[in-house]
Amino acid sequence: MEERSKAVTKYLRVPPRKARLAADLIRGLSVEEAEVQLEFSSLKAGRWLKKTLNSAVANAELQWDARRDRLSVLEVKVDEGPYFKRAKSKSRGGRAPVLKRTSHFTVVVGEKAVEGE
């Protein structure tokens, strides 16, 4: 059975569409490579995704004594959270809705199965 650990971060003030760009950078990489990618990424979501990744790695180390160098990113999900609804003033006393979007991050790490075993 494959060991897996998960970390979830909710209600982040990053639009899901932009956060998915950071998630695509690390999907399928080893944990060390993923951290380097997120460290040097200019995306705001990269900073939050790195914290979620580190939490998933810490969970793996505590739950089943995993070694950090053997772990890889098995799954990364970015889901939509609730909106903050705001209004922007328009001409002639009108208004237009502005949706401040939030995201939920889910990161699953585990040891990849080696084909030789």
PDB file of N, CA and C in Angstrom:
ATOM      1  N   MET A   1       0.836  -1.190   0.000  1.00  0.00           N
ATOM      2  CA  MET A   1       0.000   0.000   0.000  1.00  0.00           C
ATOM      3  C   MET A   1       0.878   1.249   0.000  1.00  0.00           C
ATOM      4  N   GLU A   2       0.476   2.199  -0.785  1.00  0.00           N
ATOM      5  CA  GLU A   2       1.234   3.433  -0.917  1.00  0.00           C
ATOM      6  C   GLU A   2       0.867   4.395   0.206  1.00  0.00           C
ATOM      7  N   GLU A   3       1.878   4.911   0.876  1.00  0.00           N
ATOM      8  CA  GLU A   3       1.655   5.881   1.950  1.00  0.00           C
ATOM      9  C   GLU A   3       1.472   7.267   1.338  1.00  0.00           C
ATOM     10  N   ARG A   4       0.479   7.993   1.838  1.00  0.00           N
ATOM     11  CA  ARG A   4       0.196   9.336   1.345  1.00  0.00           C
ATOM     12  C   ARG A   4      -0.119  10.247   2.521  1.00  0.00           C
ATOM     13  N   SER A   5       0.271  11.504   2.398  1.00  0.00           N
ATOM     14  CA  SER A   5      -0.087  12.510   3.392  1.00  0.00           C
ATOM     15  C   SER A   5      -0.632  13.731   2.678  1.00  0.00           C
ATOM     16  N   LYS A   6      -1.573  14.391   3.344  1.00  0.00           N
ATOM     17  CA  LYS A   6      -2.290  15.491   2.711  1.00  0.00           C
ATOM     18  C   LYS A   6      -2.266  16.718   3.607  1.00  0.00           C
ATOM     19  N   ALA A   7      -2.239  17.885   2.983  1.00  0.00           N
ATOM     20  CA  ALA A   7      -2.388  19.151   3.698  1.00  0.00           C
ATOM     21  C   ALA A   7      -3.358  20.023   2.911  1.00  0.00           C
ATOM     22  N   VAL A   8      -4.207  20.741   3.633  1.00  0.00           N
ATOM     23  CA  VAL A   8      -5.212  21.598   3.006  1.00  0.00           C
ATOM     24  C   VAL A   8      -5.101  23.000   3.604  1.00  0.00           C
ATOM     25  N   THR A   9      -5.094  23.995   2.739  1.00  0.00           N
ATOM     26  CA  THR A   9      -5.135  25.392   3.164  1.00  0.00           C
ATOM     27  C   THR A   9      -6.356  26.023   2.512  1.00  0.00           C
ATOM     28  N   LYS A  10      -7.183  26.680   3.319  1.00  0.00           N
ATOM     29  CA  LYS A  10      -8.451  27.195   2.799  1.00  0.00           C
ATOM     30  C   LYS A  10      -8.538  28.713   2.907  1.00  0.00           C
ATOM     31  N   TYR A  11      -9.419  29.268   2.107  1.00  0.00           N
ATOM     32  CA  TYR A  11      -9.806  30.680   2.134  1.00  0.00           C
ATOM     33  C   TYR A  11      -8.641  31.633   1.870  1.00  0.00           C
ATOM     34  N   LEU A  12      -7.781  31.296   0.920  1.00  0.00           N
ATOM     35  CA  LEU A  12      -6.669  32.172   0.571  1.00  0.00           C
ATOM     36  C   LEU A  12      -7.134  33.220  -0.432  1.00  0.00           C
ATOM     37  N   ARG A  13      -6.695  34.453  -0.253  1.00  0.00           N
ATOM     38  CA  ARG A  13      -7.109  35.546  -1.126  1.00  0.00           C
ATOM     39  C   ARG A  13      -6.258  35.581  -2.397  1.00  0.00           C
ATOM     40  N   VAL A  14      -6.320  34.502  -3.143  1.00  0.00           N
ATOM     41  CA  VAL A  14      -5.660  34.386  -4.439  1.00  0.00           C
ATOM     42  C   VAL A  14      -6.700  33.809  -5.394  1.00  0.00           C
ATOM     43  N   PRO A  15      -6.892  34.395  -6.556  1.00  0.00           N
ATOM     44  CA  PRO A  15      -7.864  33.827  -7.492  1.00  0.00           C
ATOM     45  C   PRO A  15      -7.437  32.431  -7.948  1.00  0.00           C
ATOM     46  N   PRO A  16      -8.358  31.487  -8.026  1.00  0.00           N
ATOM     47  CA  PRO A  16      -8.003  30.117  -8.410  1.00  0.00           C
ATOM     48  C   PRO A  16      -7.342  30.029  -9.781  1.00  0.00           C
ATOM     49  N   ARG A  17      -7.769  30.882 -10.687  1.00  0.00           N
ATOM     50  CA  ARG A  17      -7.195  30.849 -12.032  1.00  0.00           C
ATOM     51  C   ARG A  17      -5.696  31.145 -12.011  1.00  0.00           C
ATOM     52  N   LYS A  18      -5.277  32.085 -11.168  1.00  0.00           N
ATOM     53  CA  LYS A  18      -3.858  32.412 -11.048  1.00  0.00           C
ATOM     54  C   LYS A  18      -3.123  31.378 -10.200  1.00  0.00           C
ATOM     55  N   ALA A  19      -3.792  30.819  -9.201  1.00  0.00           N
ATOM     56  CA  ALA A  19      -3.160  29.825  -8.334  1.00  0.00           C
ATOM     57  C   ALA A  19      -2.872  28.534  -9.087  1.00  0.00           C
ATOM     58  N   ARG A  20      -3.701  28.210 -10.067  1.00  0.00           N
ATOM     59  CA  ARG A  20      -3.487  26.982 -10.838  1.00  0.00           C
ATOM     60  C   ARG A  20      -2.209  27.050 -11.653  1.00  0.00           C
ATOM     61  N   LEU A  21      -1.747  28.242 -11.990  1.00  0.00           N
ATOM     62  CA  LEU A  21      -0.471  28.391 -12.690  1.00  0.00           C
ATOM     63  C   LEU A  21       0.675  27.890 -11.812  1.00  0.00           C
ATOM     64  N   ALA A  22       0.628  28.207 -10.523  1.00  0.00           N
ATOM     65  CA  ALA A  22       1.656  27.741  -9.594  1.00  0.00           C
ATOM     66  C   ALA A  22       1.527  26.244  -9.355  1.00  0.00           C
ATOM     67  N   ALA A  23       0.297  25.741  -9.296  1.00  0.00           N
ATOM     68  CA  ALA A  23       0.084  24.311  -9.068  1.00  0.00           C
ATOM     69  C   ALA A  23       0.629  23.491 -10.230  1.00  0.00           C
ATOM     70  N   ASP A  24       0.483  24.003 -11.449  1.00  0.00           N
ATOM     71  CA  ASP A  24       0.985  23.284 -12.617  1.00  0.00           C
ATOM     72  C   ASP A  24       2.506  23.180 -12.618  1.00  0.00           C
ATOM     73  N   LEU A  25       3.180  24.112 -11.951  1.00  0.00           N
ATOM     74  CA  LEU A  25       4.642  24.080 -11.895  1.00  0.00           C
ATOM     75  C   LEU A  25       5.170  22.874 -11.125  1.00  0.00           C
ATOM     76  N   ILE A  26       4.450  22.433 -10.086  1.00  0.00           N
ATOM     77  CA  ILE A  26       5.013  21.426  -9.182  1.00  0.00           C
ATOM     78  C   ILE A  26       4.375  20.053  -9.297  1.00  0.00           C
ATOM     79  N   ARG A  27       3.329  19.918 -10.065  1.00  0.00           N
ATOM     80  CA  ARG A  27       2.620  18.639 -10.155  1.00  0.00           C
ATOM     81  C   ARG A  27       3.554  17.556 -10.687  1.00  0.00           C
ATOM     82  N   GLY A  28       3.727  16.466  -9.915  1.00  0.00           N
ATOM     83  CA  GLY A  28       4.533  15.329 -10.340  1.00  0.00           C
ATOM     84  C   GLY A  28       6.013  15.420 -10.012  1.00  0.00           C
ATOM     85  N   LEU A  29       6.474  16.535  -9.465  1.00  0.00           N
ATOM     86  CA  LEU A  29       7.895  16.691  -9.147  1.00  0.00           C
ATOM     87  C   LEU A  29       8.216  16.093  -7.784  1.00  0.00           C
ATOM     88  N   SER A  30       9.513  15.904  -7.521  1.00  0.00           N
ATOM     89  CA  SER A  30       9.925  15.530  -6.173  1.00  0.00           C
ATOM     90  C   SER A  30       9.732  16.752  -5.275  1.00  0.00           C
ATOM     91  N   VAL A  31       9.695  16.525  -3.969  1.00  0.00           N
ATOM     92  CA  VAL A  31       9.440  17.619  -3.033  1.00  0.00           C
ATOM     93  C   VAL A  31      10.543  18.668  -3.115  1.00  0.00           C
ATOM     94  N   GLU A  32      11.789  18.225  -3.227  1.00  0.00           N
ATOM     95  CA  GLU A  32      12.902  19.173  -3.282  1.00  0.00           C
ATOM     96  C   GLU A  32      12.843  20.028  -4.544  1.00  0.00           C
ATOM     97  N   GLU A  33      12.535  19.409  -5.685  1.00  0.00           N
ATOM     98  CA  GLU A  33      12.420  20.169  -6.933  1.00  0.00           C
ATOM     99  C   GLU A  33      11.236  21.132  -6.881  1.00  0.00           C
ATOM    100  N   ALA A  34      10.152  20.685  -6.276  1.00  0.00           N
ATOM    101  CA  ALA A  34       8.957  21.533  -6.171  1.00  0.00           C
ATOM    102  C   ALA A  34       9.239  22.766  -5.317  1.00  0.00           C
ATOM    103  N   GLU A  35       9.977  22.591  -4.228  1.00  0.00           N
ATOM    104  CA  GLU A  35      10.309  23.728  -3.374  1.00  0.00           C
ATOM    105  C   GLU A  35      11.156  24.751  -4.117  1.00  0.00           C
ATOM    106  N   VAL A  36      12.100  24.272  -4.919  1.00  0.00           N
ATOM    107  CA  VAL A  36      12.940  25.190  -5.693  1.00  0.00           C
ATOM    108  C   VAL A  36      12.094  25.951  -6.710  1.00  0.00           C
ATOM    109  N   GLN A  37      11.190  25.250  -7.381  1.00  0.00           N
ATOM    110  CA  GLN A  37      10.314  25.902  -8.360  1.00  0.00           C
ATOM    111  C   GLN A  37       9.481  27.003  -7.701  1.00  0.00           C
ATOM    112  N   LEU A  38       8.923  26.707  -6.533  1.00  0.00           N
ATOM    113  CA  LEU A  38       8.064  27.680  -5.863  1.00  0.00           C
ATOM    114  C   LEU A  38       8.866  28.826  -5.253  1.00  0.00           C
ATOM    115  N   GLU A  39      10.082  28.524  -4.808  1.00  0.00           N
ATOM    116  CA  GLU A  39      10.936  29.547  -4.200  1.00  0.00           C
ATOM    117  C   GLU A  39      11.245  30.666  -5.196  1.00  0.00           C
ATOM    118  N   PHE A  40      11.520  30.288  -6.432  1.00  0.00           N
ATOM    119  CA  PHE A  40      11.937  31.276  -7.424  1.00  0.00           C
ATOM    120  C   PHE A  40      10.807  31.696  -8.357  1.00  0.00           C
ATOM    121  N   SER A  41       9.606  31.280  -8.061  1.00  0.00           N
ATOM    122  CA  SER A  41       8.450  31.707  -8.835  1.00  0.00           C
ATOM    123  C   SER A  41       8.031  33.101  -8.369  1.00  0.00           C
ATOM    124  N   SER A  42       7.618  33.934  -9.309  1.00  0.00           N
ATOM    125  CA  SER A  42       7.190  35.286  -8.944  1.00  0.00           C
ATOM    126  C   SER A  42       5.700  35.345  -8.605  1.00  0.00           C
ATOM    127  N   LEU A  43       5.027  34.195  -8.614  1.00  0.00           N
ATOM    128  CA  LEU A  43       3.593  34.155  -8.356  1.00  0.00           C
ATOM    129  C   LEU A  43       3.295  34.263  -6.862  1.00  0.00           C
ATOM    130  N   LYS A  44       2.282  35.050  -6.515  1.00  0.00           N
ATOM    131  CA  LYS A  44       1.871  35.185  -5.116  1.00  0.00           C
ATOM    132  C   LYS A  44       1.392  33.845  -4.565  1.00  0.00           C
ATOM    133  N   ALA A  45       0.717  33.071  -5.402  1.00  0.00           N
ATOM    134  CA  ALA A  45       0.201  31.776  -4.962  1.00  0.00           C
ATOM    135  C   ALA A  45       1.330  30.802  -4.648  1.00  0.00           C
ATOM    136  N   GLY A  46       2.493  30.999  -5.251  1.00  0.00           N
ATOM    137  CA  GLY A  46       3.626  30.110  -5.004  1.00  0.00           C
ATOM    138  C   GLY A  46       4.058  30.115  -3.550  1.00  0.00           C
ATOM    139  N   ARG A  47       3.994  31.287  -2.929  1.00  0.00           N
ATOM    140  CA  ARG A  47       4.384  31.398  -1.518  1.00  0.00           C
ATOM    141  C   ARG A  47       3.444  30.574  -0.636  1.00  0.00           C
ATOM    142  N   TRP A  48       2.130  30.669  -0.901  1.00  0.00           N
ATOM    143  CA  TRP A  48       1.153  29.921  -0.104  1.00  0.00           C
ATOM    144  C   TRP A  48       1.206  28.429  -0.409  1.00  0.00           C
ATOM    145  N   LEU A  49       1.452  28.103  -1.667  1.00  0.00           N
ATOM    146  CA  LEU A  49       1.526  26.696  -2.054  1.00  0.00           C
ATOM    147  C   LEU A  49       2.742  26.026  -1.423  1.00  0.00           C
ATOM    148  N   LYS A  50       3.833  26.778  -1.280  1.00  0.00           N
ATOM    149  CA  LYS A  50       5.034  26.228  -0.639  1.00  0.00           C
ATOM    150  C   LYS A  50       4.757  25.918   0.836  1.00  0.00           C
ATOM    151  N   LYS A  51       4.011  26.783   1.504  1.00  0.00           N
ATOM    152  CA  LYS A  51       3.663  26.523   2.904  1.00  0.00           C
ATOM    153  C   LYS A  51       2.792  25.279   3.031  1.00  0.00           C
ATOM    154  N   THR A  52       1.861  25.113   2.112  1.00  0.00           N
ATOM    155  CA  THR A  52       0.998  23.935   2.133  1.00  0.00           C
ATOM    156  C   THR A  52       1.806  22.678   1.841  1.00  0.00           C
ATOM    157  N   LEU A  53       2.750  22.761   0.905  1.00  0.00           N
ATOM    158  CA  LEU A  53       3.626  21.632   0.588  1.00  0.00           C
ATOM    159  C   LEU A  53       4.467  21.242   1.798  1.00  0.00           C
ATOM    160  N   ASN A  54       5.044  22.227   2.487  1.00  0.00           N
ATOM    161  CA  ASN A  54       5.845  21.935   3.680  1.00  0.00           C
ATOM    162  C   ASN A  54       5.001  21.303   4.781  1.00  0.00           C
ATOM    163  N   SER A  55       3.747  21.707   4.893  1.00  0.00           N
ATOM    164  CA  SER A  55       2.853  21.105   5.875  1.00  0.00           C
ATOM    165  C   SER A  55       2.575  19.645   5.537  1.00  0.00           C
ATOM    166  N   ALA A  56       2.369  19.347   4.254  1.00  0.00           N
ATOM    167  CA  ALA A  56       2.129  17.963   3.836  1.00  0.00           C
ATOM    168  C   ALA A  56       3.356  17.095   4.096  1.00  0.00           C
ATOM    169  N   VAL A  57       4.541  17.646   3.862  1.00  0.00           N
ATOM    170  CA  VAL A  57       5.783  16.902   4.121  1.00  0.00           C
ATOM    171  C   VAL A  57       5.940  16.648   5.618  1.00  0.00           C
ATOM    172  N   ALA A  58       5.652  17.650   6.440  1.00  0.00           N
ATOM    173  CA  ALA A  58       5.737  17.479   7.893  1.00  0.00           C
ATOM    174  C   ALA A  58       4.745  16.423   8.369  1.00  0.00           C
ATOM    175  N   ASN A  59       3.547  16.400   7.784  1.00  0.00           N
ATOM    176  CA  ASN A  59       2.566  15.373   8.129  1.00  0.00           C
ATOM    177  C   ASN A  59       3.095  13.989   7.790  1.00  0.00           C
ATOM    178  N   ALA A  60       3.743  13.854   6.637  1.00  0.00           N
ATOM    179  CA  ALA A  60       4.292  12.563   6.226  1.00  0.00           C
ATOM    180  C   ALA A  60       5.402  12.119   7.170  1.00  0.00           C
ATOM    181  N   GLU A  61       6.251  13.053   7.567  1.00  0.00           N
ATOM    182  CA  GLU A  61       7.348  12.712   8.477  1.00  0.00           C
ATOM    183  C   GLU A  61       6.821  12.282   9.841  1.00  0.00           C
ATOM    184  N   LEU A  62       5.753  12.914  10.310  1.00  0.00           N
ATOM    185  CA  LEU A  62       5.202  12.564  11.617  1.00  0.00           C
ATOM    186  C   LEU A  62       4.360  11.291  11.577  1.00  0.00           C
ATOM    187  N   GLN A  63       3.572  11.122  10.522  1.00  0.00           N
ATOM    188  CA  GLN A  63       2.632  10.006  10.483  1.00  0.00           C
ATOM    189  C   GLN A  63       3.300   8.673  10.191  1.00  0.00           C
ATOM    190  N   TRP A  64       4.240   8.655   9.241  1.00  0.00           N
ATOM    191  CA  TRP A  64       4.822   7.363   8.885  1.00  0.00           C
ATOM    192  C   TRP A  64       6.320   7.428   8.634  1.00  0.00           C
ATOM    193  N   ASP A  65       7.012   8.326   9.347  1.00  0.00           N
ATOM    194  CA  ASP A  65       8.476   8.421   9.317  1.00  0.00           C
ATOM    195  C   ASP A  65       9.040   8.441   7.898  1.00  0.00           C
ATOM    196  N   ALA A  66       8.457   9.244   7.053  1.00  0.00           N
ATOM    197  CA  ALA A  66       8.923   9.354   5.664  1.00  0.00           C
ATOM    198  C   ALA A  66      10.209  10.167   5.617  1.00  0.00           C
ATOM    199  N   ARG A  67      11.013   9.871   4.616  1.00  0.00           N
ATOM    200  CA  ARG A  67      12.225  10.653   4.382  1.00  0.00           C
ATOM    201  C   ARG A  67      11.927  11.688   3.309  1.00  0.00           C
ATOM    202  N   ARG A  68      12.327  12.911   3.583  1.00  0.00           N
ATOM    203  CA  ARG A  68      12.017  14.038   2.702  1.00  0.00           C
ATOM    204  C   ARG A  68      12.559  13.834   1.289  1.00  0.00           C
ATOM    205  N   ASP A  69      13.723  13.232   1.155  1.00  0.00           N
ATOM    206  CA  ASP A  69      14.334  13.084  -0.170  1.00  0.00           C
ATOM    207  C   ASP A  69      13.637  12.030  -1.028  1.00  0.00           C
ATOM    208  N   ARG A  70      12.797  11.189  -0.438  1.00  0.00           N
ATOM    209  CA  ARG A  70      12.069  10.171  -1.202  1.00  0.00           C
ATOM    210  C   ARG A  70      10.653  10.594  -1.579  1.00  0.00           C
ATOM    211  N   LEU A  71      10.188  11.698  -1.033  1.00  0.00           N
ATOM    212  CA  LEU A  71       8.809  12.124  -1.265  1.00  0.00           C
ATOM    213  C   LEU A  71       8.668  12.870  -2.588  1.00  0.00           C
ATOM    214  N   SER A  72       7.488  12.735  -3.176  1.00  0.00           N
ATOM    215  CA  SER A  72       7.170  13.498  -4.380  1.00  0.00           C
ATOM    216  C   SER A  72       5.733  14.003  -4.282  1.00  0.00           C
ATOM    217  N   VAL A  73       5.432  14.978  -5.096  1.00  0.00           N
ATOM    218  CA  VAL A  73       4.096  15.576  -5.113  1.00  0.00           C
ATOM    219  C   VAL A  73       3.202  14.695  -5.977  1.00  0.00           C
ATOM    220  N   LEU A  74       2.248  14.019  -5.352  1.00  0.00           N
ATOM    221  CA  LEU A  74       1.359  13.120  -6.082  1.00  0.00           C
ATOM    222  C   LEU A  74       0.147  13.851  -6.643  1.00  0.00           C
ATOM    223  N   GLU A  75      -0.342  14.828  -5.909  1.00  0.00           N
ATOM    224  CA  GLU A  75      -1.578  15.503  -6.322  1.00  0.00           C
ATOM    225  C   GLU A  75      -1.576  16.938  -5.814  1.00  0.00           C
ATOM    226  N   VAL A  76      -1.987  17.854  -6.663  1.00  0.00           N
ATOM    227  CA  VAL A  76      -2.159  19.257  -6.282  1.00  0.00           C
ATOM    228  C   VAL A  76      -3.501  19.713  -6.833  1.00  0.00           C
ATOM    229  N   LYS A  77      -4.366  20.208  -5.945  1.00  0.00           N
ATOM    230  CA  LYS A  77      -5.672  20.708  -6.369  1.00  0.00           C
ATOM    231  C   LYS A  77      -5.835  22.148  -5.906  1.00  0.00           C
ATOM    232  N   VAL A  78      -6.400  22.958  -6.771  1.00  0.00           N
ATOM    233  CA  VAL A  78      -6.775  24.323  -6.409  1.00  0.00           C
ATOM    234  C   VAL A  78      -8.262  24.455  -6.704  1.00  0.00           C
ATOM    235  N   ASP A  79      -9.050  24.618  -5.656  1.00  0.00           N
ATOM    236  CA  ASP A  79     -10.499  24.731  -5.794  1.00  0.00           C
ATOM    237  C   ASP A  79     -10.945  26.153  -5.472  1.00  0.00           C
ATOM    238  N   GLU A  80     -12.124  26.497  -5.956  1.00  0.00           N
ATOM    239  CA  GLU A  80     -12.685  27.812  -5.669  1.00  0.00           C
ATOM    240  C   GLU A  80     -13.249  27.861  -4.258  1.00  0.00           C
ATOM    241  N   GLY A  81     -12.996  28.969  -3.586  1.00  0.00           N
ATOM    242  CA  GLY A  81     -13.612  29.222  -2.301  1.00  0.00           C
ATOM    243  C   GLY A  81     -14.743  30.221  -2.483  1.00  0.00           C
ATOM    244  N   PRO A  82     -15.259  30.742  -1.397  1.00  0.00           N
ATOM    245  CA  PRO A  82     -16.326  31.742  -1.511  1.00  0.00           C
ATOM    246  C   PRO A  82     -15.784  33.069  -2.050  1.00  0.00           C
ATOM    247  N   TYR A  83     -16.677  33.893  -2.577  1.00  0.00           N
ATOM    248  CA  TYR A  83     -16.308  35.208  -3.086  1.00  0.00           C
ATOM    249  C   TYR A  83     -16.540  36.259  -2.014  1.00  0.00           C
ATOM    250  N   PHE A  84     -15.725  37.317  -2.049  1.00  0.00           N
ATOM    251  CA  PHE A  84     -16.048  38.540  -1.325  1.00  0.00           C
ATOM    252  C   PHE A  84     -16.696  39.453  -2.352  1.00  0.00           C
ATOM    253  N   LYS A  85     -17.906  39.898  -2.093  1.00  0.00           N
ATOM    254  CA  LYS A  85     -18.601  40.736  -3.058  1.00  0.00           C
ATOM    255  C   LYS A  85     -18.407  42.205  -2.690  1.00  0.00           C
ATOM    256  N   ARG A  86     -17.887  42.960  -3.638  1.00  0.00           N
ATOM    257  CA  ARG A  86     -17.650  44.386  -3.471  1.00  0.00           C
ATOM    258  C   ARG A  86     -18.318  45.124  -4.624  1.00  0.00           C
ATOM    259  N   ALA A  87     -18.368  46.430  -4.541  1.00  0.00           N
ATOM    260  CA  ALA A  87     -18.980  47.224  -5.606  1.00  0.00           C
ATOM    261  C   ALA A  87     -18.004  48.301  -6.060  1.00  0.00           C
ATOM    262  N   LYS A  88     -18.063  48.594  -7.342  1.00  0.00           N
ATOM    263  CA  LYS A  88     -17.258  49.660  -7.918  1.00  0.00           C
ATOM    264  C   LYS A  88     -18.211  50.714  -8.476  1.00  0.00           C
ATOM    265  N   SER A  89     -17.945  51.976  -8.170  1.00  0.00           N
ATOM    266  CA  SER A  89     -18.808  53.062  -8.642  1.00  0.00           C
ATOM    267  C   SER A  89     -18.666  53.239 -10.146  1.00  0.00           C
ATOM    268  N   LYS A  90     -19.784  53.504 -10.772  1.00  0.00           N
ATOM    269  CA  LYS A  90     -19.813  53.725 -12.215  1.00  0.00           C
ATOM    270  C   LYS A  90     -20.458  55.074 -12.512  1.00  0.00           C
ATOM    271  N   SER A  91     -20.539  55.398 -13.765  1.00  0.00           N
ATOM    272  CA  SER A  91     -21.071  56.700 -14.165  1.00  0.00           C
ATOM    273  C   SER A  91     -22.568  56.812 -13.857  1.00  0.00           C
ATOM    274  N   ARG A  92     -23.000  58.052 -13.686  1.00  0.00           N
ATOM    275  CA  ARG A  92     -24.413  58.382 -13.459  1.00  0.00           C
ATOM    276  C   ARG A  92     -24.998  57.654 -12.247  1.00  0.00           C
ATOM    277  N   GLY A  93     -24.191  57.498 -11.200  1.00  0.00           N
ATOM    278  CA  GLY A  93     -24.673  56.917  -9.956  1.00  0.00           C
ATOM    279  C   GLY A  93     -24.838  55.413  -9.973  1.00  0.00           C
ATOM    280  N   GLY A  94     -24.302  54.777 -10.971  1.00  0.00           N
ATOM    281  CA  GLY A  94     -24.431  53.323 -11.061  1.00  0.00           C
ATOM    282  C   GLY A  94     -23.342  52.602 -10.284  1.00  0.00           C
ATOM    283  N   ARG A  95     -23.420  51.304 -10.308  1.00  0.00           N
ATOM    284  CA  ARG A  95     -22.398  50.496  -9.642  1.00  0.00           C
ATOM    285  C   ARG A  95     -22.248  49.184 -10.387  1.00  0.00           C
ATOM    286  N   ALA A  96     -21.087  48.583 -10.226  1.00  0.00           N
ATOM    287  CA  ALA A  96     -20.811  47.303 -10.873  1.00  0.00           C
ATOM    288  C   ALA A  96     -20.256  46.351  -9.821  1.00  0.00           C
ATOM    289  N   PRO A  97     -20.658  45.086  -9.854  1.00  0.00           N
ATOM    290  CA  PRO A  97     -20.139  44.136  -8.869  1.00  0.00           C
ATOM    291  C   PRO A  97     -18.679  43.776  -9.150  1.00  0.00           C
ATOM    292  N   VAL A  98     -17.925  43.605  -8.073  1.00  0.00           N
ATOM    293  CA  VAL A  98     -16.542  43.146  -8.153  1.00  0.00           C
ATOM    294  C   VAL A  98     -16.448  41.922  -7.255  1.00  0.00           C
ATOM    295  N   LEU A  99     -15.988  40.803  -7.801  1.00  0.00           N
ATOM    296  CA  LEU A  99     -15.861  39.572  -7.026  1.00  0.00           C
ATOM    297  C   LEU A  99     -14.406  39.365  -6.637  1.00  0.00           C
ATOM    298  N   LYS A 100     -14.130  39.368  -5.353  1.00  0.00           N
ATOM    299  CA  LYS A 100     -12.799  39.065  -4.843  1.00  0.00           C
ATOM    300  C   LYS A 100     -12.773  37.563  -4.582  1.00  0.00           C
ATOM    301  N   ARG A 101     -12.044  36.842  -5.396  1.00  0.00           N
ATOM    302  CA  ARG A 101     -12.097  35.383  -5.352  1.00  0.00           C
ATOM    303  C   ARG A 101     -11.113  34.814  -4.335  1.00  0.00           C
ATOM    304  N   THR A 102     -11.469  33.652  -3.751  1.00  0.00           N
ATOM    305  CA  THR A 102     -10.595  32.944  -2.816  1.00  0.00           C
ATOM    306  C   THR A 102     -10.367  31.524  -3.317  1.00  0.00           C
ATOM    307  N   SER A 103      -9.335  30.877  -2.757  1.00  0.00           N
ATOM    308  CA  SER A 103      -8.946  29.541  -3.205  1.00  0.00           C
ATOM    309  C   SER A 103      -8.763  28.603  -2.026  1.00  0.00           C
ATOM    310  N   HIS A 104      -8.917  27.318  -2.305  1.00  0.00           N
ATOM    311  CA  HIS A 104      -8.577  26.253  -1.369  1.00  0.00           C
ATOM    312  C   HIS A 104      -7.485  25.413  -2.031  1.00  0.00           C
ATOM    313  N   PHE A 105      -6.354  25.201  -1.327  1.00  0.00           N
ATOM    314  CA  PHE A 105      -5.254  24.383  -1.848  1.00  0.00           C
ATOM    315  C   PHE A 105      -5.266  23.023  -1.169  1.00  0.00           C
ATOM    316  N   THR A 106      -5.044  21.964  -1.934  1.00  0.00           N
ATOM    317  CA  THR A 106      -4.865  20.617  -1.402  1.00  0.00           C
ATOM    318  C   THR A 106      -3.609  20.032  -2.032  1.00  0.00           C
ATOM    319  N   VAL A 107      -2.670  19.596  -1.187  1.00  0.00           N
ATOM    320  CA  VAL A 107      -1.426  18.994  -1.668  1.00  0.00           C
ATOM    321  C   VAL A 107      -1.298  17.613  -1.043  1.00  0.00           C
ATOM    322  N   VAL A 108      -1.057  16.599  -1.886  1.00  0.00           N
ATOM    323  CA  VAL A 108      -0.857  15.226  -1.427  1.00  0.00           C
ATOM    324  C   VAL A 108       0.554  14.811  -1.812  1.00  0.00           C
ATOM    325  N   VAL A 109       1.324  14.342  -0.822  1.00  0.00           N
ATOM    326  CA  VAL A 109       2.679  13.850  -1.084  1.00  0.00           C
ATOM    327  C   VAL A 109       2.763  12.384  -0.693  1.00  0.00           C
ATOM    328  N   GLY A 110       3.694  11.694  -1.308  1.00  0.00           N
ATOM    329  CA  GLY A 110       3.907  10.286  -1.002  1.00  0.00           C
ATOM    330  C   GLY A 110       5.158   9.800  -1.693  1.00  0.00           C
ATOM    331  N   GLU A 111       5.499   8.554  -1.422  1.00  0.00           N
ATOM    332  CA  GLU A 111       6.663   7.961  -2.070  1.00  0.00           C
ATOM    333  C   GLU A 111       6.227   7.351  -3.385  1.00  0.00           C
ATOM    334  N   LYS A 112       6.945   7.686  -4.435  1.00  0.00           N
ATOM    335  CA  LYS A 112       6.628   7.100  -5.734  1.00  0.00           C
ATOM    336  C   LYS A 112       7.103   5.662  -5.750  1.00  0.00           C
ATOM    337  N   ALA A 113       6.315   4.778  -6.348  1.00  0.00           N
ATOM    338  CA  ALA A 113       6.695   3.371  -6.453  1.00  0.00           C
ATOM    339  C   ALA A 113       7.840   3.232  -7.456  1.00  0.00           C
ATOM    340  N   VAL A 114       8.879   2.486  -7.056  1.00  0.00           N
ATOM    341  CA  VAL A 114      10.019   2.245  -7.932  1.00  0.00           C
ATOM    342  C   VAL A 114       9.703   1.027  -8.786  1.00  0.00           C
ATOM    343  N   GLU A 115       9.957   1.107 -10.095  1.00  0.00           N
ATOM    344  CA  GLU A 115       9.583   0.028 -11.005  1.00  0.00           C
ATOM    345  C   GLU A 115      10.402  -1.239 -10.789  1.00  0.00           C
ATOM    346  N   GLY A 116      11.584  -1.142 -10.225  1.00  0.00           N
ATOM    347  CA  GLY A 116      12.453  -2.306 -10.035  1.00  0.00           C
ATOM    348  C   GLY A 116      12.019  -3.216  -8.898  1.00  0.00           C
ATOM    349  N   GLU A 117      11.145  -2.758  -8.036  1.00  0.00           N
ATOM    350  CA  GLU A 117      10.755  -3.559  -6.872  1.00  0.00           C
ATOM    351  C   GLU A 117       9.590  -4.460  -7.160  1.00  0.00           C
TER     352      GLU A 117
END
